[in-house]
Amino acid sequence: MEKDILSLMNAGDRRLSKGQRAIARYITENYDKAAFMTAGKLGRTVGVSESTVVRFATELGFDGYPGMRRAMQEMVRSRLTSVQRIAVAKDMLEGADVLKAVMTSDVEKLQASLEELDRESFDRAVAAIGEAKNLYIVGMRSSASLASFMGFYMNLLVEDVRLIHNTTANEVYEQIMHIGPGDVYMGISYPRYSASSLKAMEFAKRQGATVIALTDNDNSPFAALADIRLYAKSDMVSFLDSLVAPMSVINALIVAVAARKKDSLDDTFEYLEGLWSEYGTFTGVES
């Protein structure tokens, strides 16, 4: 569980210096901006040195300022409206090389996800998907793109795949009404979390399906429900979320499930190549 920095600052059992109290006051009043500042910028904004900011992070129990900043970011991401996100992004990217800043951030999220993702949970997810009677893949709003991608490829590997996204709450239940033991519910959601997707996951859990969550961390409401939890980092960029890391985890799931079914995979794709050729699925220059 991520450390709640506001609770840590309000614990009241620390002897903070005058400068550290100023930092705490600024974060409490402006956490949406502070969460995306470097230690140097936070220090300049508050009027203290960068080293004072670093010592403040250590005083709160973090290994250093990067850990404290991650805790602030995790805290605020699900609370910000789209308008607030745009304002934060303007401060973050002002005067910066946007292309470099965004792509560098994506690389960092990929690396962090690789280091933190639990390999046993990944293997359990692969086994559950490979053995599922029916695989339900559910992603709403921005996560619908992830669900669609996963659904397209899993449909080539798993016999019965149901892709569910961007429908009304009632339509979701109609599409998963027969879910039960032996089935797998794959729920994908990132801040701001979809309420209808969460309710559908609760229903699937009650019906006895194996529930897998692909989400950002332990604080996600989807994590509490899931039998198997897969975490991939997401980052806020203006009004949108970077979903590069969760897409990479989905890529890995697809490849791993395919490896489990390697004996039948050649036959499947030989058959598909025949269909694609017969019906002119692809276009290109003939050799």
C-alpha atoms as a PDB file:
ATOM      1  CA  MET A   1       0.000   0.000   0.000  1.00  0.00           C
ATOM      2  CA  GLU A   2       1.350   3.407  -0.951  1.00  0.00           C
ATOM      3  CA  LYS A   3       2.116   5.738   1.913  1.00  0.00           C
ATOM      4  CA  ASP A   4      -0.495   8.488   2.334  1.00  0.00           C
ATOM      5  CA  ILE A   5       1.719  11.531   2.579  1.00  0.00           C
ATOM      6  CA  LEU A   6      -0.977  13.795   4.038  1.00  0.00           C
ATOM      7  CA  SER A   7      -1.499  11.357   6.894  1.00  0.00           C
ATOM      8  CA  LEU A   8       2.240  11.151   7.456  1.00  0.00           C
ATOM      9  CA  MET A   9       2.557  14.933   7.626  1.00  0.00           C
ATOM     10  CA  ASN A  10      -0.395  15.238   9.954  1.00  0.00           C
ATOM     11  CA  ALA A  11       0.802  12.551  12.358  1.00  0.00           C
ATOM     12  CA  GLY A  12       1.998  15.318  14.680  1.00  0.00           C
ATOM     13  CA  ASP A  13       4.786  13.333  16.310  1.00  0.00           C
ATOM     14  CA  ARG A  14       7.726  14.811  14.409  1.00  0.00           C
ATOM     15  CA  ARG A  15       9.862  17.810  15.236  1.00  0.00           C
ATOM     16  CA  LEU A  16       9.996  19.579  11.902  1.00  0.00           C
ATOM     17  CA  SER A  17      12.226  22.549  11.233  1.00  0.00           C
ATOM     18  CA  LYS A  18      10.728  25.849  10.159  1.00  0.00           C
ATOM     19  CA  GLY A  19      11.604  25.104   6.547  1.00  0.00           C
ATOM     20  CA  GLN A  20      10.120  21.617   6.719  1.00  0.00           C
ATOM     21  CA  ARG A  21       6.897  22.993   8.200  1.00  0.00           C
ATOM     22  CA  ALA A  22       6.721  25.379   5.237  1.00  0.00           C
ATOM     23  CA  ILE A  23       7.072  22.434   2.853  1.00  0.00           C
ATOM     24  CA  ALA A  24       4.334  20.503   4.661  1.00  0.00           C
ATOM     25  CA  ARG A  25       2.029  23.516   4.560  1.00  0.00           C
ATOM     26  CA  TYR A  26       2.602  24.051   0.837  1.00  0.00           C
ATOM     27  CA  ILE A  27       2.002  20.371  -0.006  1.00  0.00           C
ATOM     28  CA  THR A  28      -1.192  20.302   2.062  1.00  0.00           C
ATOM     29  CA  GLU A  29      -2.562  23.359   0.254  1.00  0.00           C
ATOM     30  CA  ASN A  30      -1.177  22.603  -3.236  1.00  0.00           C
ATOM     31  CA  TYR A  31      -0.688  18.843  -3.435  1.00  0.00           C
ATOM     32  CA  ASP A  32      -1.916  18.731  -7.050  1.00  0.00           C
ATOM     33  CA  LYS A  33       1.030  20.912  -8.111  1.00  0.00           C
ATOM     34  CA  ALA A  34       3.629  19.686  -5.608  1.00  0.00           C
ATOM     35  CA  ALA A  35       3.205  16.087  -6.751  1.00  0.00           C
ATOM     36  CA  PHE A  36       4.829  16.855 -10.088  1.00  0.00           C
ATOM     37  CA  MET A  37       7.639  19.171  -8.975  1.00  0.00           C
ATOM     38  CA  THR A  38      11.296  18.267  -8.716  1.00  0.00           C
ATOM     39  CA  ALA A  39      12.924  18.673  -5.313  1.00  0.00           C
ATOM     40  CA  GLY A  40      14.661  21.794  -6.575  1.00  0.00           C
ATOM     41  CA  LYS A  41      11.494  23.396  -7.897  1.00  0.00           C
ATOM     42  CA  LEU A  42       9.556  22.585  -4.722  1.00  0.00           C
ATOM     43  CA  GLY A  43      12.344  24.135  -2.676  1.00  0.00           C
ATOM     44  CA  ARG A  44      12.407  27.301  -4.785  1.00  0.00           C
ATOM     45  CA  THR A  45       8.621  27.591  -4.612  1.00  0.00           C
ATOM     46  CA  VAL A  46       8.554  27.261  -0.837  1.00  0.00           C
ATOM     47  CA  GLY A  47      11.732  29.281  -0.264  1.00  0.00           C
ATOM     48  CA  VAL A  48      13.979  26.553   1.127  1.00  0.00           C
ATOM     49  CA  SER A  49      16.974  24.647  -0.189  1.00  0.00           C
ATOM     50  CA  GLU A  50      16.732  21.454  -2.215  1.00  0.00           C
ATOM     51  CA  SER A  51      18.556  19.600   0.569  1.00  0.00           C
ATOM     52  CA  THR A  52      15.833  20.673   3.015  1.00  0.00           C
ATOM     53  CA  VAL A  53      13.229  19.097   0.732  1.00  0.00           C
ATOM     54  CA  VAL A  54      15.231  15.869   0.561  1.00  0.00           C
ATOM     55  CA  ARG A  55      15.641  15.760   4.352  1.00  0.00           C
ATOM     56  CA  PHE A  56      11.899  16.364   4.726  1.00  0.00           C
ATOM     57  CA  ALA A  57      11.180  13.304   2.560  1.00  0.00           C
ATOM     58  CA  THR A  58      13.541  11.218   4.680  1.00  0.00           C
ATOM     59  CA  GLU A  59      11.920  12.522   7.868  1.00  0.00           C
ATOM     60  CA  LEU A  60       8.567  11.213   6.614  1.00  0.00           C
ATOM     61  CA  GLY A  61      10.049   7.747   6.125  1.00  0.00           C
ATOM     62  CA  PHE A  62      10.789   7.729   2.404  1.00  0.00           C
ATOM     63  CA  ASP A  63      14.105   6.574   0.936  1.00  0.00           C
ATOM     64  CA  GLY A  64      14.424   9.935  -0.772  1.00  0.00           C
ATOM     65  CA  TYR A  65      12.510  12.614  -2.616  1.00  0.00           C
ATOM     66  CA  PRO A  66      11.593  10.431  -5.649  1.00  0.00           C
ATOM     67  CA  GLY A  67       9.743   8.053  -3.326  1.00  0.00           C
ATOM     68  CA  MET A  68       7.835  10.899  -1.722  1.00  0.00           C
ATOM     69  CA  ARG A  69       6.930  12.352  -5.099  1.00  0.00           C
ATOM     70  CA  ARG A  70       5.614   8.986  -6.305  1.00  0.00           C
ATOM     71  CA  ALA A  71       3.459   8.764  -3.178  1.00  0.00           C
ATOM     72  CA  MET A  72       2.058  12.238  -3.864  1.00  0.00           C
ATOM     73  CA  GLN A  73       1.340  11.363  -7.478  1.00  0.00           C
ATOM     74  CA  GLU A  74      -0.462   8.153  -6.597  1.00  0.00           C
ATOM     75  CA  MET A  75      -2.546  10.071  -4.079  1.00  0.00           C
ATOM     76  CA  VAL A  76      -3.656  12.815  -6.441  1.00  0.00           C
ATOM     77  CA  ARG A  77      -4.125  11.047  -9.758  1.00  0.00           C
ATOM     78  CA  SER A  78      -7.558   9.624  -8.974  1.00  0.00           C
ATOM     79  CA  ARG A  79      -8.711  12.922  -7.425  1.00  0.00           C
ATOM     80  CA  LEU A  80      -7.953  15.351 -10.237  1.00  0.00           C
ATOM     81  CA  THR A  81     -10.574  16.495 -12.713  1.00  0.00           C
ATOM     82  CA  SER A  82      -9.675  16.916 -16.388  1.00  0.00           C
ATOM     83  CA  VAL A  83      -9.453  20.683 -15.915  1.00  0.00           C
ATOM     84  CA  GLN A  84      -7.019  20.242 -13.009  1.00  0.00           C
ATOM     85  CA  ARG A  85      -4.975  17.790 -15.061  1.00  0.00           C
ATOM     86  CA  ILE A  86      -4.529  20.310 -17.843  1.00  0.00           C
ATOM     87  CA  ALA A  87      -3.403  22.950 -15.350  1.00  0.00           C
ATOM     88  CA  VAL A  88      -0.870  20.579 -13.791  1.00  0.00           C
ATOM     89  CA  ALA A  89       0.450  19.521 -17.183  1.00  0.00           C
ATOM     90  CA  LYS A  90       0.940  23.156 -18.169  1.00  0.00           C
ATOM     91  CA  ASP A  91       3.189  23.658 -15.123  1.00  0.00           C
ATOM     92  CA  MET A  92       5.015  20.388 -15.760  1.00  0.00           C
ATOM     93  CA  LEU A  93       5.729  20.925 -19.446  1.00  0.00           C
ATOM     94  CA  GLU A  94       6.219  24.668 -19.569  1.00  0.00           C
ATOM     95  CA  GLY A  95       9.402  25.342 -21.510  1.00  0.00           C
ATOM     96  CA  ALA A  96      10.128  21.628 -21.883  1.00  0.00           C
ATOM     97  CA  ASP A  97      10.713  19.449 -24.926  1.00  0.00           C
ATOM     98  CA  VAL A  98       7.283  17.785 -24.886  1.00  0.00           C
ATOM     99  CA  LEU A  99       8.256  14.846 -27.102  1.00  0.00           C
ATOM    100  CA  LYS A 100      11.314  14.042 -24.998  1.00  0.00           C
ATOM    101  CA  ALA A 101       9.492  14.591 -21.702  1.00  0.00           C
ATOM    102  CA  VAL A 102       6.575  12.328 -22.581  1.00  0.00           C
ATOM    103  CA  MET A 103       8.622   9.522 -24.109  1.00  0.00           C
ATOM    104  CA  THR A 104      11.168   9.613 -21.288  1.00  0.00           C
ATOM    105  CA  SER A 105       8.311   9.338 -18.796  1.00  0.00           C
ATOM    106  CA  ASP A 106       6.949   6.325 -20.696  1.00  0.00           C
ATOM    107  CA  VAL A 107      10.340   4.604 -20.573  1.00  0.00           C
ATOM    108  CA  GLU A 108      10.501   5.207 -16.816  1.00  0.00           C
ATOM    109  CA  LYS A 109       7.045   3.691 -16.317  1.00  0.00           C
ATOM    110  CA  LEU A 110       8.008   0.627 -18.348  1.00  0.00           C
ATOM    111  CA  GLN A 111      11.132   0.115 -16.269  1.00  0.00           C
ATOM    112  CA  ALA A 112       9.294   0.597 -12.973  1.00  0.00           C
ATOM    113  CA  SER A 113       6.568  -1.829 -14.050  1.00  0.00           C
ATOM    114  CA  LEU A 114       9.123  -4.453 -15.056  1.00  0.00           C
ATOM    115  CA  GLU A 115      10.853  -4.204 -11.689  1.00  0.00           C
ATOM    116  CA  GLU A 116       7.687  -4.241  -9.585  1.00  0.00           C
ATOM    117  CA  LEU A 117       5.337  -6.633 -11.387  1.00  0.00           C
ATOM    118  CA  ASP A 118       4.983  -9.881  -9.439  1.00  0.00           C
ATOM    119  CA  ARG A 119       6.106 -12.759 -11.682  1.00  0.00           C
ATOM    120  CA  GLU A 120       4.080 -15.364  -9.795  1.00  0.00           C
ATOM    121  CA  SER A 121       0.911 -13.333 -10.314  1.00  0.00           C
ATOM    122  CA  PHE A 122       1.756 -12.998 -14.006  1.00  0.00           C
ATOM    123  CA  ASP A 123       2.222 -16.766 -14.356  1.00  0.00           C
ATOM    124  CA  ARG A 124      -1.072 -17.393 -12.534  1.00  0.00           C
ATOM    125  CA  ALA A 125      -2.857 -14.993 -14.881  1.00  0.00           C
ATOM    126  CA  VAL A 126      -1.409 -16.749 -17.936  1.00  0.00           C
ATOM    127  CA  ALA A 127      -2.497 -20.153 -16.618  1.00  0.00           C
ATOM    128  CA  ALA A 128      -6.005 -18.923 -15.758  1.00  0.00           C
ATOM    129  CA  ILE A 129      -6.510 -17.330 -19.186  1.00  0.00           C
ATOM    130  CA  GLY A 130      -5.142 -20.375 -20.987  1.00  0.00           C
ATOM    131  CA  GLU A 131      -7.503 -22.714 -19.127  1.00  0.00           C
ATOM    132  CA  ALA A 132     -10.609 -20.471 -19.104  1.00  0.00           C
ATOM    133  CA  LYS A 133     -13.927 -21.800 -20.385  1.00  0.00           C
ATOM    134  CA  ASN A 134     -14.845 -18.239 -21.302  1.00  0.00           C
ATOM    135  CA  LEU A 135     -12.633 -15.163 -21.128  1.00  0.00           C
ATOM    136  CA  TYR A 136     -14.385 -11.865 -20.457  1.00  0.00           C
ATOM    137  CA  ILE A 137     -12.213  -8.803 -21.127  1.00  0.00           C
ATOM    138  CA  VAL A 138     -13.633  -5.598 -19.679  1.00  0.00           C
ATOM    139  CA  GLY A 139     -12.241  -2.090 -20.081  1.00  0.00           C
ATOM    140  CA  MET A 140     -14.165   1.165 -19.995  1.00  0.00           C
ATOM    141  CA  ARG A 141     -13.356   4.668 -21.181  1.00  0.00           C
ATOM    142  CA  SER A 142      -9.623   5.069 -21.900  1.00  0.00           C
ATOM    143  CA  SER A 143      -9.019   1.447 -20.892  1.00  0.00           C
ATOM    144  CA  ALA A 144     -11.307   0.338 -23.738  1.00  0.00           C
ATOM    145  CA  SER A 145      -8.365   0.620 -26.141  1.00  0.00           C
ATOM    146  CA  LEU A 146      -6.372  -1.827 -24.016  1.00  0.00           C
ATOM    147  CA  ALA A 147      -9.310  -4.223 -23.797  1.00  0.00           C
ATOM    148  CA  SER A 148      -9.863  -4.103 -27.578  1.00  0.00           C
ATOM    149  CA  PHE A 149      -6.221  -4.843 -28.324  1.00  0.00           C
ATOM    150  CA  MET A 150      -6.131  -7.735 -25.880  1.00  0.00           C
ATOM    151  CA  GLY A 151      -9.452  -9.061 -27.159  1.00  0.00           C
ATOM    152  CA  PHE A 152      -8.310  -9.035 -30.792  1.00  0.00           C
ATOM    153  CA  TYR A 153      -5.301 -11.244 -30.130  1.00  0.00           C
ATOM    154  CA  MET A 154      -6.805 -13.435 -27.420  1.00  0.00           C
ATOM    155  CA  ASN A 155      -9.589 -14.280 -29.848  1.00  0.00           C
ATOM    156  CA  LEU A 156      -6.932 -16.025 -31.953  1.00  0.00           C
ATOM    157  CA  LEU A 157      -5.711 -18.042 -28.965  1.00  0.00           C
ATOM    158  CA  VAL A 158      -8.682 -18.716 -26.682  1.00  0.00           C
ATOM    159  CA  GLU A 159     -11.836 -20.416 -27.892  1.00  0.00           C
ATOM    160  CA  ASP A 160     -14.471 -18.155 -26.318  1.00  0.00           C
ATOM    161  CA  VAL A 161     -13.587 -14.502 -25.757  1.00  0.00           C
ATOM    162  CA  ARG A 162     -16.137 -11.839 -24.817  1.00  0.00           C
ATOM    163  CA  LEU A 163     -14.989  -8.227 -25.236  1.00  0.00           C
ATOM    164  CA  ILE A 164     -16.987  -5.735 -23.191  1.00  0.00           C
ATOM    165  CA  HIS A 165     -16.343  -2.004 -23.197  1.00  0.00           C
ATOM    166  CA  ASN A 166     -17.991   1.398 -23.306  1.00  0.00           C
ATOM    167  CA  THR A 167     -21.528   0.204 -22.730  1.00  0.00           C
ATOM    168  CA  THR A 168     -24.163   1.279 -20.241  1.00  0.00           C
ATOM    169  CA  ALA A 169     -24.242  -0.371 -16.824  1.00  0.00           C
ATOM    170  CA  ASN A 170     -27.303  -2.472 -17.700  1.00  0.00           C
ATOM    171  CA  GLU A 171     -25.734  -3.665 -20.961  1.00  0.00           C
ATOM    172  CA  VAL A 172     -22.623  -4.794 -19.103  1.00  0.00           C
ATOM    173  CA  TYR A 173     -24.668  -7.090 -16.861  1.00  0.00           C
ATOM    174  CA  GLU A 174     -26.557  -8.449 -19.861  1.00  0.00           C
ATOM    175  CA  GLN A 175     -23.257  -9.409 -21.485  1.00  0.00           C
ATOM    176  CA  ILE A 176     -21.782 -11.088 -18.402  1.00  0.00           C
ATOM    177  CA  MET A 177     -24.989 -12.579 -16.966  1.00  0.00           C
ATOM    178  CA  HIS A 178     -23.840 -16.171 -17.632  1.00  0.00           C
ATOM    179  CA  ILE A 179     -20.365 -15.787 -16.142  1.00  0.00           C
ATOM    180  CA  GLY A 180     -19.483 -18.345 -13.501  1.00  0.00           C
ATOM    181  CA  PRO A 181     -16.950 -20.903 -12.207  1.00  0.00           C
ATOM    182  CA  GLY A 182     -14.344 -21.832 -14.800  1.00  0.00           C
ATOM    183  CA  ASP A 183     -14.613 -18.444 -16.475  1.00  0.00           C
ATOM    184  CA  VAL A 184     -12.090 -15.619 -16.230  1.00  0.00           C
ATOM    185  CA  TYR A 185     -12.981 -11.951 -15.873  1.00  0.00           C
ATOM    186  CA  MET A 186     -10.115  -9.669 -16.959  1.00  0.00           C
ATOM    187  CA  GLY A 187     -10.804  -6.162 -15.653  1.00  0.00           C
ATOM    188  CA  ILE A 188      -8.624  -3.307 -16.890  1.00  0.00           C
ATOM    189  CA  SER A 189      -8.937   0.093 -15.252  1.00  0.00           C
ATOM    190  CA  TYR A 190      -6.802   3.144 -14.497  1.00  0.00           C
ATOM    191  CA  PRO A 191      -7.556   6.466 -12.802  1.00  0.00           C
ATOM    192  CA  ARG A 192     -10.063   7.878 -12.940  1.00  0.00           C
ATOM    193  CA  TYR A 193     -11.475   4.405 -12.309  1.00  0.00           C
ATOM    194  CA  SER A 194     -14.677   3.349 -14.073  1.00  0.00           C
ATOM    195  CA  ALA A 195     -17.539   2.780 -11.616  1.00  0.00           C
ATOM    196  CA  SER A 196     -19.485   0.525 -14.015  1.00  0.00           C
ATOM    197  CA  SER A 197     -16.419  -1.633 -14.657  1.00  0.00           C
ATOM    198  CA  LEU A 198     -15.891  -2.018 -10.894  1.00  0.00           C
ATOM    199  CA  LYS A 199     -19.515  -3.045 -10.326  1.00  0.00           C
ATOM    200  CA  ALA A 200     -19.236  -5.589 -13.139  1.00  0.00           C
ATOM    201  CA  MET A 201     -16.137  -7.042 -11.486  1.00  0.00           C
ATOM    202  CA  GLU A 202     -18.029  -7.340  -8.189  1.00  0.00           C
ATOM    203  CA  PHE A 203     -20.777  -9.244 -10.022  1.00  0.00           C
ATOM    204  CA  ALA A 204     -18.265 -11.585 -11.695  1.00  0.00           C
ATOM    205  CA  LYS A 205     -16.636 -12.264  -8.332  1.00  0.00           C
ATOM    206  CA  ARG A 206     -19.981 -13.149  -6.736  1.00  0.00           C
ATOM    207  CA  GLN A 207     -20.746 -15.508  -9.623  1.00  0.00           C
ATOM    208  CA  GLY A 208     -17.585 -17.507  -8.940  1.00  0.00           C
ATOM    209  CA  ALA A 209     -15.411 -16.456 -11.868  1.00  0.00           C
ATOM    210  CA  THR A 210     -11.667 -16.038 -11.501  1.00  0.00           C
ATOM    211  CA  VAL A 211     -11.084 -12.284 -11.439  1.00  0.00           C
ATOM    212  CA  ILE A 212      -7.885 -10.715 -12.796  1.00  0.00           C
ATOM    213  CA  ALA A 213      -7.200  -6.996 -12.433  1.00  0.00           C
ATOM    214  CA  LEU A 214      -4.765  -5.020 -14.555  1.00  0.00           C
ATOM    215  CA  THR A 215      -4.468  -1.701 -12.762  1.00  0.00           C
ATOM    216  CA  ASP A 216      -1.914   0.720 -11.311  1.00  0.00           C
ATOM    217  CA  ASN A 217      -1.332  -0.220  -7.637  1.00  0.00           C
ATOM    218  CA  ASP A 218      -2.682  -1.591  -4.358  1.00  0.00           C
ATOM    219  CA  ASN A 219      -4.769   1.530  -3.818  1.00  0.00           C
ATOM    220  CA  SER A 220      -6.898   0.779  -6.872  1.00  0.00           C
ATOM    221  CA  PRO A 221     -10.417  -0.393  -5.929  1.00  0.00           C
ATOM    222  CA  PHE A 222      -9.971  -3.168  -8.495  1.00  0.00           C
ATOM    223  CA  ALA A 223      -7.016  -4.601  -6.583  1.00  0.00           C
ATOM    224  CA  ALA A 224      -9.136  -5.329  -3.509  1.00  0.00           C
ATOM    225  CA  LEU A 225     -11.570  -7.451  -5.533  1.00  0.00           C
ATOM    226  CA  ALA A 226      -9.165  -9.384  -7.717  1.00  0.00           C
ATOM    227  CA  ASP A 227      -7.975 -12.960  -7.251  1.00  0.00           C
ATOM    228  CA  ILE A 228      -4.921 -12.109  -9.363  1.00  0.00           C
ATOM    229  CA  ARG A 229      -3.434  -8.601  -9.461  1.00  0.00           C
ATOM    230  CA  LEU A 230      -1.208  -7.285 -12.230  1.00  0.00           C
ATOM    231  CA  TYR A 231       0.212  -3.808 -11.710  1.00  0.00           C
ATOM    232  CA  ALA A 232       1.595  -1.622 -14.478  1.00  0.00           C
ATOM    233  CA  LYS A 233       2.434   2.026 -13.962  1.00  0.00           C
ATOM    234  CA  SER A 234       0.418   4.734 -15.631  1.00  0.00           C
ATOM    235  CA  ASP A 235       1.231   8.421 -15.655  1.00  0.00           C
ATOM    236  CA  MET A 236      -0.832  11.529 -16.093  1.00  0.00           C
ATOM    237  CA  VAL A 237      -0.019  13.596 -19.155  1.00  0.00           C
ATOM    238  CA  SER A 238      -2.349  16.589 -19.398  1.00  0.00           C
ATOM    239  CA  PHE A 239      -5.942  15.304 -19.585  1.00  0.00           C
ATOM    240  CA  LEU A 240      -4.902  11.821 -20.693  1.00  0.00           C
ATOM    241  CA  ASP A 241      -3.164   8.845 -19.093  1.00  0.00           C
ATOM    242  CA  SER A 242      -0.129   7.172 -20.571  1.00  0.00           C
ATOM    243  CA  LEU A 243      -1.014   3.505 -21.006  1.00  0.00           C
ATOM    244  CA  VAL A 244       2.273   2.332 -22.513  1.00  0.00           C
ATOM    245  CA  ALA A 245       3.222   0.112 -19.544  1.00  0.00           C
ATOM    246  CA  PRO A 246      -0.141  -1.694 -19.245  1.00  0.00           C
ATOM    247  CA  MET A 247      -0.094  -2.247 -23.019  1.00  0.00           C
ATOM    248  CA  SER A 248       3.321  -3.886 -22.642  1.00  0.00           C
ATOM    249  CA  VAL A 249       1.999  -6.187 -19.903  1.00  0.00           C
ATOM    250  CA  ILE A 250      -0.883  -7.150 -22.216  1.00  0.00           C
ATOM    251  CA  ASN A 251       1.654  -7.900 -24.961  1.00  0.00           C
ATOM    252  CA  ALA A 252       3.470 -10.196 -22.533  1.00  0.00           C
ATOM    253  CA  LEU A 253       0.217 -11.955 -21.558  1.00  0.00           C
ATOM    254  CA  ILE A 254      -0.631 -12.592 -25.209  1.00  0.00           C
ATOM    255  CA  VAL A 255       2.822 -13.997 -25.996  1.00  0.00           C
ATOM    256  CA  ALA A 256       2.835 -16.173 -22.855  1.00  0.00           C
ATOM    257  CA  VAL A 257      -0.637 -17.604 -23.558  1.00  0.00           C
ATOM    258  CA  ALA A 258       0.432 -18.284 -27.154  1.00  0.00           C
ATOM    259  CA  ALA A 259       3.490 -20.161 -25.869  1.00  0.00           C
ATOM    260  CA  ARG A 260       1.217 -22.397 -23.773  1.00  0.00           C
ATOM    261  CA  LYS A 261      -0.788 -23.229 -26.904  1.00  0.00           C
ATOM    262  CA  LYS A 262       2.162 -23.639 -29.285  1.00  0.00           C
ATOM    263  CA  ASP A 263       1.024 -27.096 -30.434  1.00  0.00           C
ATOM    264  CA  SER A 264      -2.193 -25.717 -31.909  1.00  0.00           C
ATOM    265  CA  LEU A 265      -0.883 -22.279 -32.860  1.00  0.00           C
ATOM    266  CA  ASP A 266       0.654 -23.312 -36.199  1.00  0.00           C
ATOM    267  CA  ASP A 267      -2.606 -24.912 -37.324  1.00  0.00           C
ATOM    268  CA  THR A 268      -4.585 -21.851 -36.262  1.00  0.00           C
ATOM    269  CA  PHE A 269      -2.464 -19.407 -38.208  1.00  0.00           C
ATOM    270  CA  GLU A 270      -2.146 -21.668 -41.242  1.00  0.00           C
ATOM    271  CA  TYR A 271      -5.942 -21.728 -41.368  1.00  0.00           C
ATOM    272  CA  LEU A 272      -6.128 -17.953 -40.879  1.00  0.00           C
ATOM    273  CA  GLU A 273      -3.587 -17.294 -43.625  1.00  0.00           C
ATOM    274  CA  GLY A 274      -5.791 -19.262 -46.000  1.00  0.00           C
ATOM    275  CA  LEU A 275      -8.835 -17.203 -45.022  1.00  0.00           C
ATOM    276  CA  TRP A 276      -6.951 -13.906 -45.271  1.00  0.00           C
ATOM    277  CA  SER A 277      -5.695 -14.812 -48.732  1.00  0.00           C
ATOM    278  CA  GLU A 278      -9.086 -16.027 -49.961  1.00  0.00           C
ATOM    279  CA  TYR A 279     -10.955 -12.934 -48.824  1.00  0.00           C
ATOM    280  CA  GLY A 280      -8.275 -10.340 -49.588  1.00  0.00           C
ATOM    281  CA  THR A 281      -7.809  -9.234 -45.983  1.00  0.00           C
ATOM    282  CA  PHE A 282      -4.482  -7.521 -46.634  1.00  0.00           C
ATOM    283  CA  THR A 283      -3.176  -5.472 -49.493  1.00  0.00           C
ATOM    284  CA  GLY A 284       0.387  -5.026 -50.702  1.00  0.00           C
ATOM    285  CA  VAL A 285       2.800  -5.414 -53.580  1.00  0.00           C
ATOM    286  CA  GLU A 286       3.091  -8.959 -54.823  1.00  0.00           C
ATOM    287  CA  SER A 287       6.625 -10.383 -54.839  1.00  0.00           C
END
